[in-house]
């Protein structure tokens, strides 16, 4: 809005005029003579980010000086179309739903499967009841949804300075301005409160074990700025459930079982998240972000074949130490190996669409491994129920 300041007639007689400064809507002036210099003074000038206009001085008439904002008003953030159920949520809710990636459940599954493996293997070892096992699986399912969402919020807070430079991520709520950093921090507080409420349903040992993983969740997004191995840190965070699930069922840790299971899970994360990272490798080079996709380059398939072999062998070792039977080796070990082989033989690392497809298929990798544990449990307990 322009601010007008009326100057008296005597201000234009036999004196000088200078524009000292313009701050917000104020203009400080001194009288001037009617000289040719007035022509140059009476032109638009930019002072302190304000456009100052001094109109022509007319004989025997006062004049007005005014200031106006030169910057255009900020345009409101337009609602992003997701082409899924988020579009039907209230406009104020939609950005927060998108922030948690609830429309892309693959991340939740990848966080949940190590928990489910560990819980089911502990139930097999302890001969736990179906009811107690199902309760723990459900509780960890809610926890996976909650903490995956919290992890996405933390990630987007750290990455808000680079997400807007990457084609795939520039529409994320914080990067696009749909959610402010202050709002995201408040939302994160609510997510962590729900996560803590779930964690307190476990035994004391598990509460401490679960809380200790938060440092990995918080620091992972920074690793891509420091090392070409951020996927390793992600694997440590995403497979923490392999430790937590066992302790939740037994009150402690048997590292001879969960140690190999955890190590194998990290190797699995290196496989699927390297494939995922190949989607953004061109943008990552431009903005200086590091990843295993860039580290491995043309040798990605050889590296991932090695990590896949590590995952399968560590799974087999974990099953052996837990006394698993034939169904486990046929389904969890051989079935998982077959699926990983298919991924690596068919993936096109130069096609973002195919990388995303192969990445999502790891939901089935986790499901195959878990189904072998369940089948083994059912066959083992069947004679006892007869």
Protein backbone atom coordinates (compact mmCIF):
# COMPACT_ATOMS: atom_id res chain seq x y z
CA UNK A 1 0.00 0.00 0.00
CA UNK A 2 1.39 3.45 -0.88
CA UNK A 3 1.97 6.02 1.89
CA UNK A 4 1.55 9.70 0.96
CA UNK A 5 3.40 12.52 2.75
CA UNK A 6 2.17 16.03 2.03
CA UNK A 7 4.91 18.69 2.06
CA UNK A 8 4.17 22.46 2.61
CA UNK A 9 4.59 24.98 -0.22
CA UNK A 10 7.47 26.80 1.45
CA UNK A 11 9.45 23.59 1.30
CA UNK A 12 10.03 24.20 -2.39
CA UNK A 13 11.38 27.74 -2.13
CA UNK A 14 15.09 28.64 -2.31
CA UNK A 15 16.54 25.56 -0.65
CA UNK A 16 17.91 22.14 -1.36
CA UNK A 17 16.33 18.71 -1.48
CA UNK A 18 17.89 15.35 -0.78
CA UNK A 19 16.42 11.90 -0.28
CA UNK A 20 18.09 10.58 2.83
CA UNK A 21 16.59 7.13 3.06
CA UNK A 22 13.37 5.14 2.74
CA UNK A 23 12.47 2.80 5.56
CA UNK A 24 9.23 0.95 5.17
CA UNK A 25 6.65 3.70 4.47
CA UNK A 26 8.69 6.73 5.66
CA UNK A 27 10.46 9.26 3.39
CA UNK A 28 12.78 11.89 4.86
CA UNK A 29 13.25 15.05 2.71
CA UNK A 30 14.81 18.53 2.66
CA UNK A 31 13.59 21.57 0.61
CA UNK A 32 15.11 22.20 -2.84
CA UNK A 33 15.09 24.90 -5.52
CA UNK A 34 13.31 24.52 -8.79
CA UNK A 35 16.30 23.70 -10.95
CA UNK A 36 17.06 21.35 -13.85
CA UNK A 37 18.49 18.97 -11.26
CA UNK A 38 14.90 18.29 -10.26
CA UNK A 39 14.43 16.32 -13.46
CA UNK A 40 16.97 13.74 -12.40
CA UNK A 41 15.67 13.67 -8.83
CA UNK A 42 12.10 13.12 -9.89
CA UNK A 43 12.70 9.63 -11.29
CA UNK A 44 12.08 6.21 -9.70
CA UNK A 45 14.81 5.23 -7.30
CA UNK A 46 15.38 2.00 -5.35
CA UNK A 47 16.18 2.55 -1.70
CA UNK A 48 16.22 -0.13 0.97
CA UNK A 49 14.29 -2.54 -1.26
CA UNK A 50 11.54 0.10 -1.75
CA UNK A 51 10.62 1.78 -5.00
CA UNK A 52 10.57 5.52 -4.26
CA UNK A 53 8.72 7.73 -6.72
CA UNK A 54 8.98 11.53 -6.55
CA UNK A 55 6.47 13.15 -8.94
CA UNK A 56 7.08 16.37 -10.87
CA UNK A 57 7.06 19.56 -8.82
CA UNK A 58 4.34 21.88 -10.03
CA UNK A 59 4.38 25.65 -9.53
CA UNK A 60 2.41 26.92 -6.49
CA UNK A 61 1.20 23.41 -5.71
CA UNK A 62 2.30 21.02 -2.99
CA UNK A 63 3.57 17.64 -4.08
CA UNK A 64 3.30 14.17 -2.64
CA UNK A 65 5.99 11.53 -2.30
CA UNK A 66 5.07 7.91 -1.81
CA UNK A 67 6.65 4.52 -1.38
CA UNK A 68 5.37 1.18 -2.62
CA UNK A 69 6.52 -2.42 -2.45
CA UNK A 70 8.35 -3.49 -5.64
CA UNK A 71 8.18 -7.15 -4.83
CA UNK A 72 5.14 -9.03 -5.98
CA UNK A 73 2.99 -10.61 -3.36
CA UNK A 74 3.84 -14.22 -2.65
CA UNK A 75 1.55 -16.56 -4.49
CA UNK A 76 -0.24 -19.13 -2.33
CA UNK A 77 1.09 -22.68 -2.51
CA UNK A 78 -1.06 -24.67 -4.90
CA UNK A 79 -2.33 -28.05 -3.74
CA UNK A 80 -0.32 -30.89 -5.27
CA UNK A 81 -2.22 -33.68 -6.99
CA UNK A 82 -1.13 -37.14 -5.89
CA UNK A 83 -3.68 -39.20 -7.86
CA UNK A 84 -4.43 -41.34 -4.81
CA UNK A 85 -6.44 -41.18 -1.59
CA UNK A 86 -4.45 -38.18 -0.30
CA UNK A 87 -6.32 -36.00 -2.82
CA UNK A 88 -9.55 -36.75 -0.92
CA UNK A 89 -8.22 -35.66 2.46
CA UNK A 90 -8.94 -32.15 3.84
CA UNK A 91 -6.54 -29.62 2.32
CA UNK A 92 -4.78 -28.95 5.64
CA UNK A 93 -4.25 -32.66 6.31
CA UNK A 94 -2.97 -33.70 2.90
CA UNK A 95 0.57 -32.26 3.18
CA UNK A 96 1.14 -34.07 6.48
CA UNK A 97 -0.09 -37.36 5.04
CA UNK A 98 2.27 -36.85 2.11
CA UNK A 99 5.09 -36.00 4.53
CA UNK A 100 4.76 -39.44 6.14
CA UNK A 101 4.76 -41.15 2.69
CA UNK A 102 1.69 -43.09 3.80
CA UNK A 103 0.72 -43.39 0.14
CA UNK A 104 3.95 -45.35 -0.49
CA UNK A 105 3.86 -48.22 2.02
CA UNK A 106 7.01 -49.89 0.67
CA UNK A 107 9.11 -48.01 3.23
CA UNK A 108 6.93 -49.25 6.07
CA UNK A 109 7.20 -52.84 4.84
CA UNK A 110 10.99 -52.62 4.60
CA UNK A 111 11.11 -51.37 8.19
CA UNK A 112 8.60 -53.98 9.39
CA UNK A 113 9.97 -57.18 7.86
CA UNK A 114 13.10 -57.49 10.04
CA UNK A 115 10.81 -57.07 13.08
CA UNK A 116 8.49 -59.80 11.81
CA UNK A 117 11.39 -62.18 11.07
CA UNK A 118 12.81 -61.74 14.53
CA UNK A 119 9.47 -62.01 16.36
CA UNK A 120 8.55 -65.16 14.44
CA UNK A 121 11.95 -66.78 14.96
CA UNK A 122 11.77 -65.97 18.68
CA UNK A 123 8.26 -67.45 18.83
CA UNK A 124 9.61 -70.60 17.13
CA UNK A 125 12.47 -70.79 19.64
CA UNK A 126 10.27 -70.11 22.69
CA UNK A 127 7.26 -72.04 21.38
CA UNK A 128 5.18 -68.97 22.11
CA UNK A 129 1.42 -68.96 21.66
CA UNK A 130 -0.18 -67.77 18.45
CA UNK A 131 -2.04 -65.06 20.36
CA UNK A 132 1.08 -63.51 21.93
CA UNK A 133 2.96 -63.70 18.63
CA UNK A 134 0.09 -62.10 16.70
CA UNK A 135 -0.19 -59.32 19.31
CA UNK A 136 3.50 -58.51 19.02
CA UNK A 137 3.37 -58.58 15.22
CA UNK A 138 0.44 -56.15 15.26
CA UNK A 139 2.11 -53.84 17.81
CA UNK A 140 5.29 -53.68 15.76
CA UNK A 141 3.19 -53.06 12.65
CA UNK A 142 1.72 -49.91 14.17
CA UNK A 143 5.19 -48.95 15.36
CA UNK A 144 6.63 -49.39 11.87
CA UNK A 145 3.98 -47.11 10.36
CA UNK A 146 4.62 -44.48 13.02
CA UNK A 147 8.40 -44.52 12.99
CA UNK A 148 8.67 -44.74 9.22
CA UNK A 149 6.60 -41.56 9.08
CA UNK A 150 8.79 -39.92 11.73
CA UNK A 151 11.89 -40.92 9.78
CA UNK A 152 10.49 -39.28 6.65
CA UNK A 153 9.79 -36.07 8.56
CA UNK A 154 13.34 -36.01 9.94
CA UNK A 155 14.76 -36.75 6.49
CA UNK A 156 12.78 -33.95 4.85
CA UNK A 157 13.79 -31.44 7.53
CA UNK A 158 17.47 -32.19 6.93
CA UNK A 159 17.08 -32.29 3.15
CA UNK A 160 14.89 -29.23 2.62
CA UNK A 161 17.86 -27.38 1.09
CA UNK A 162 18.45 -30.06 -1.55
CA UNK A 163 15.01 -31.62 -2.16
CA UNK A 164 13.92 -28.62 -4.24
CA UNK A 165 16.88 -29.23 -6.56
CA UNK A 166 15.94 -32.84 -7.35
CA UNK A 167 13.16 -33.49 -9.85
CA UNK A 168 11.66 -36.41 -7.92
CA UNK A 169 11.66 -34.71 -4.51
CA UNK A 170 10.91 -31.05 -5.23
CA UNK A 171 7.19 -31.58 -4.56
CA UNK A 172 7.75 -32.85 -1.02
CA UNK A 173 5.79 -30.76 1.51
CA UNK A 174 8.68 -28.95 3.21
CA UNK A 175 10.62 -28.33 0.00
CA UNK A 176 7.52 -27.03 -1.78
CA UNK A 177 6.46 -24.81 1.14
CA UNK A 178 3.23 -26.68 1.89
CA UNK A 179 4.56 -27.39 5.40
CA UNK A 180 6.93 -25.01 7.17
CA UNK A 181 9.93 -26.34 9.13
CA UNK A 182 8.32 -25.14 12.37
CA UNK A 183 5.12 -27.03 11.57
CA UNK A 184 7.13 -30.13 10.62
CA UNK A 185 9.00 -30.08 13.95
CA UNK A 186 5.71 -29.86 15.84
CA UNK A 187 4.30 -32.73 13.78
CA UNK A 188 7.45 -34.75 14.44
CA UNK A 189 6.93 -34.27 18.17
CA UNK A 190 3.52 -35.88 17.85
CA UNK A 191 4.90 -38.79 15.82
CA UNK A 192 7.64 -39.49 18.36
CA UNK A 193 5.11 -39.32 21.19
CA UNK A 194 3.06 -42.06 19.52
CA UNK A 195 6.22 -44.09 18.95
CA UNK A 196 7.17 -43.75 22.61
CA UNK A 197 3.69 -44.86 23.68
CA UNK A 198 4.10 -48.03 21.58
CA UNK A 199 7.62 -48.65 22.88
CA UNK A 200 6.47 -48.50 26.50
CA UNK A 201 4.26 -51.53 25.89
CA UNK A 202 7.44 -53.65 25.77
CA UNK A 203 9.70 -54.90 28.56
CA UNK A 204 12.30 -52.56 30.09
CA UNK A 205 15.20 -54.10 28.19
CA UNK A 206 13.40 -53.53 24.89
CA UNK A 207 12.47 -49.95 25.82
CA UNK A 208 16.15 -49.09 26.28
CA UNK A 209 17.13 -51.01 23.16
CA UNK A 210 14.48 -49.30 21.06
CA UNK A 211 15.30 -45.82 22.34
CA UNK A 212 18.97 -46.31 21.47
CA UNK A 213 18.12 -46.56 17.77
CA UNK A 214 16.87 -42.96 17.60
CA UNK A 215 20.39 -41.61 17.07
CA UNK A 216 20.62 -43.62 13.84
CA UNK A 217 17.24 -42.35 12.67
CA UNK A 218 18.25 -38.72 13.26
CA UNK A 219 21.76 -38.88 11.77
CA UNK A 220 21.12 -41.02 8.69
CA UNK A 221 20.01 -38.12 6.43
CA UNK A 222 23.32 -36.35 7.10
CA UNK A 223 25.41 -39.28 5.92
CA UNK A 224 24.77 -38.57 2.24
CA UNK A 225 26.69 -35.32 2.71
CA UNK A 226 29.64 -37.08 4.33
CA UNK A 227 30.14 -40.55 2.85
CA UNK A 228 29.36 -42.62 -0.23
CA UNK A 229 27.94 -45.26 2.14
CA UNK A 230 24.79 -43.67 3.61
CA UNK A 231 22.91 -46.87 2.75
CA UNK A 232 24.98 -48.71 5.36
CA UNK A 233 23.76 -46.34 8.09
CA UNK A 234 20.21 -46.69 6.77
CA UNK A 235 20.60 -50.47 7.04
CA UNK A 236 21.66 -50.17 10.67
CA UNK A 237 18.54 -48.12 11.40
CA UNK A 238 16.02 -50.04 9.29
CA UNK A 239 17.06 -53.46 10.60
CA UNK A 240 17.11 -52.55 14.28
CA UNK A 241 13.83 -54.43 14.52
CA UNK A 242 15.77 -57.68 14.03
CA UNK A 243 17.21 -57.03 17.49
CA UNK A 244 14.15 -55.43 19.05
CA UNK A 245 11.66 -58.07 17.97
CA UNK A 246 13.65 -60.86 19.64
CA UNK A 247 14.10 -58.92 22.88
CA UNK A 248 10.39 -58.05 22.95
CA UNK A 249 9.54 -61.76 22.87
CA UNK A 250 12.30 -63.10 25.15
CA UNK A 251 13.44 -60.18 27.35
CA UNK A 252 17.01 -60.33 26.04
CA UNK A 253 19.20 -60.95 23.00
CA UNK A 254 20.65 -64.16 21.61
CA UNK A 255 23.34 -62.71 19.36
CA UNK A 256 24.09 -66.11 17.83
CA UNK A 257 20.67 -65.85 16.16
CA UNK A 258 19.89 -62.15 15.82
CA UNK A 259 23.49 -61.11 15.10
CA UNK A 260 23.56 -62.82 11.67
CA UNK A 261 19.95 -61.80 11.06
CA UNK A 262 20.82 -58.14 11.69
CA UNK A 263 24.00 -58.27 9.58
CA UNK A 264 22.11 -59.94 6.74
CA UNK A 265 19.42 -57.28 6.92
CA UNK A 266 22.02 -54.53 6.53
CA UNK A 267 23.36 -56.29 3.42
CA UNK A 268 19.78 -56.49 2.08
CA UNK A 269 19.31 -52.75 2.64
CA UNK A 270 22.48 -52.09 0.65
CA UNK A 271 20.90 -54.00 -2.22
CA UNK A 272 17.48 -52.37 -2.37
CA UNK A 273 18.54 -48.84 -1.44
CA UNK A 274 21.38 -48.79 -3.96
CA UNK A 275 18.81 -49.68 -6.63
CA UNK A 276 16.62 -46.88 -5.25
CA UNK A 277 19.51 -44.40 -5.32
CA UNK A 278 20.09 -45.00 -9.03
CA UNK A 279 16.87 -43.04 -9.66
CA UNK A 280 18.50 -39.79 -8.56
CA UNK A 281 22.15 -40.30 -9.55
CA UNK A 282 22.17 -37.51 -12.16
CA UNK A 283 20.70 -34.95 -9.74
CA UNK A 284 22.93 -36.22 -6.92
CA UNK A 285 26.05 -35.49 -8.98
CA UNK A 286 24.86 -31.93 -9.65
CA UNK A 287 24.14 -31.08 -6.02
CA UNK A 288 27.02 -33.02 -4.47
CA UNK A 289 25.05 -35.73 -2.67
CA UNK A 290 26.79 -39.09 -2.19
CA UNK A 291 25.42 -42.64 -2.44
CA UNK A 292 26.46 -46.23 -3.07
CA UNK A 293 24.92 -45.88 -6.53
CA UNK A 294 27.59 -43.31 -7.37
CA UNK A 295 30.28 -45.26 -5.51
CA UNK A 296 29.63 -48.52 -7.38
CA UNK A 297 28.85 -46.97 -10.76
CA UNK A 298 29.12 -49.45 -13.60
CA UNK A 299 30.09 -52.19 -11.14
CA UNK A 300 26.81 -51.99 -9.23
CA UNK A 301 25.62 -55.47 -10.19
CA UNK A 302 28.80 -57.12 -8.92
CA UNK A 303 28.61 -55.28 -5.62
CA UNK A 304 24.92 -56.08 -5.15
CA UNK A 305 25.48 -59.73 -6.01
CA UNK A 306 27.98 -59.87 -3.16
CA UNK A 307 25.59 -58.19 -0.73
CA UNK A 308 22.77 -60.51 -1.82
CA UNK A 309 24.96 -63.54 -1.16
CA UNK A 310 25.81 -62.11 2.28
CA UNK A 311 22.12 -61.60 3.05
CA UNK A 312 21.17 -65.15 2.05
CA UNK A 313 24.09 -66.78 3.87
CA UNK A 314 23.52 -64.76 7.07
CA UNK A 315 19.83 -65.73 6.96
CA UNK A 316 20.78 -69.39 6.66
CA UNK A 317 23.24 -69.08 9.56
CA UNK A 318 20.63 -67.39 11.74
CA UNK A 319 18.14 -70.18 10.98
CA UNK A 320 20.73 -72.84 11.73
CA UNK A 321 21.55 -71.28 15.10
CA UNK A 322 17.81 -71.13 15.88
CA UNK A 323 17.20 -74.77 14.94
CA UNK A 324 14.94 -74.01 11.97
CA UNK A 325 13.77 -76.89 9.80
CA UNK A 326 13.55 -77.74 6.12
CA UNK A 327 10.68 -75.32 5.21
CA UNK A 328 12.86 -72.45 6.37
CA UNK A 329 15.72 -73.39 4.04
CA UNK A 330 13.48 -74.15 1.07
CA UNK A 331 11.43 -70.96 1.31
CA UNK A 332 13.31 -68.39 3.39
CA UNK A 333 16.76 -69.19 2.02
CA UNK A 334 16.30 -70.57 -1.50
CA UNK A 335 13.16 -68.55 -2.22
CA UNK A 336 14.83 -65.29 -1.16
CA UNK A 337 17.93 -66.13 -3.21
CA UNK A 338 15.78 -66.74 -6.30
CA UNK A 339 13.96 -63.44 -5.94
CA UNK A 340 17.17 -61.45 -5.49
CA UNK A 341 18.66 -63.18 -8.53
CA UNK A 342 15.67 -62.12 -10.60
CA UNK A 343 16.04 -58.51 -9.41
CA UNK A 344 19.71 -58.24 -10.32
CA UNK A 345 19.31 -59.95 -13.71
CA UNK A 346 16.45 -57.74 -14.87
CA UNK A 347 17.04 -54.31 -13.29
CA UNK A 348 17.90 -51.43 -15.60
CA UNK A 349 19.96 -48.98 -13.56
CA UNK A 350 19.50 -46.24 -16.15
CA UNK A 351 15.71 -46.40 -15.96
CA UNK A 352 14.26 -44.60 -12.90
CA UNK A 353 10.92 -46.33 -13.47
CA UNK A 354 12.48 -49.80 -13.46
CA UNK A 355 14.65 -48.96 -10.43
CA UNK A 356 11.52 -47.94 -8.55
CA UNK A 357 9.74 -51.13 -9.63
CA UNK A 358 12.61 -53.37 -8.50
CA UNK A 359 12.94 -51.44 -5.27
CA UNK A 360 9.25 -51.97 -4.49
CA UNK A 361 9.55 -55.68 -5.25
CA UNK A 362 11.61 -56.06 -2.09
CA UNK A 363 8.32 -56.16 -0.21
CA UNK A 364 8.11 -59.70 -1.60
CA UNK A 365 11.69 -60.47 -0.61
CA UNK A 366 10.79 -59.80 3.01
CA UNK A 367 7.51 -61.67 2.71
CA UNK A 368 9.16 -64.76 1.25
CA UNK A 369 11.67 -64.93 4.09
CA UNK A 370 8.93 -64.49 6.71
CA UNK A 371 6.62 -67.07 5.11
CA UNK A 372 9.35 -69.69 5.42
CA UNK A 373 9.62 -69.04 9.16
CA UNK A 374 5.85 -69.27 9.56
CA UNK A 375 5.63 -72.47 7.49
CA UNK A 376 8.38 -74.03 9.57
CA UNK A 377 6.55 -73.10 12.77
CA UNK A 378 3.26 -74.50 11.56
CA UNK A 379 4.78 -77.81 10.48
CA UNK A 380 6.79 -78.12 13.70
CA UNK A 381 3.80 -77.46 15.96
CA UNK A 382 1.35 -79.56 13.94
CA UNK A 383 2.32 -82.89 15.59
CA UNK A 384 1.96 -81.33 19.03
CA UNK A 385 -1.56 -80.17 18.19
CA UNK A 386 -2.61 -83.59 16.84
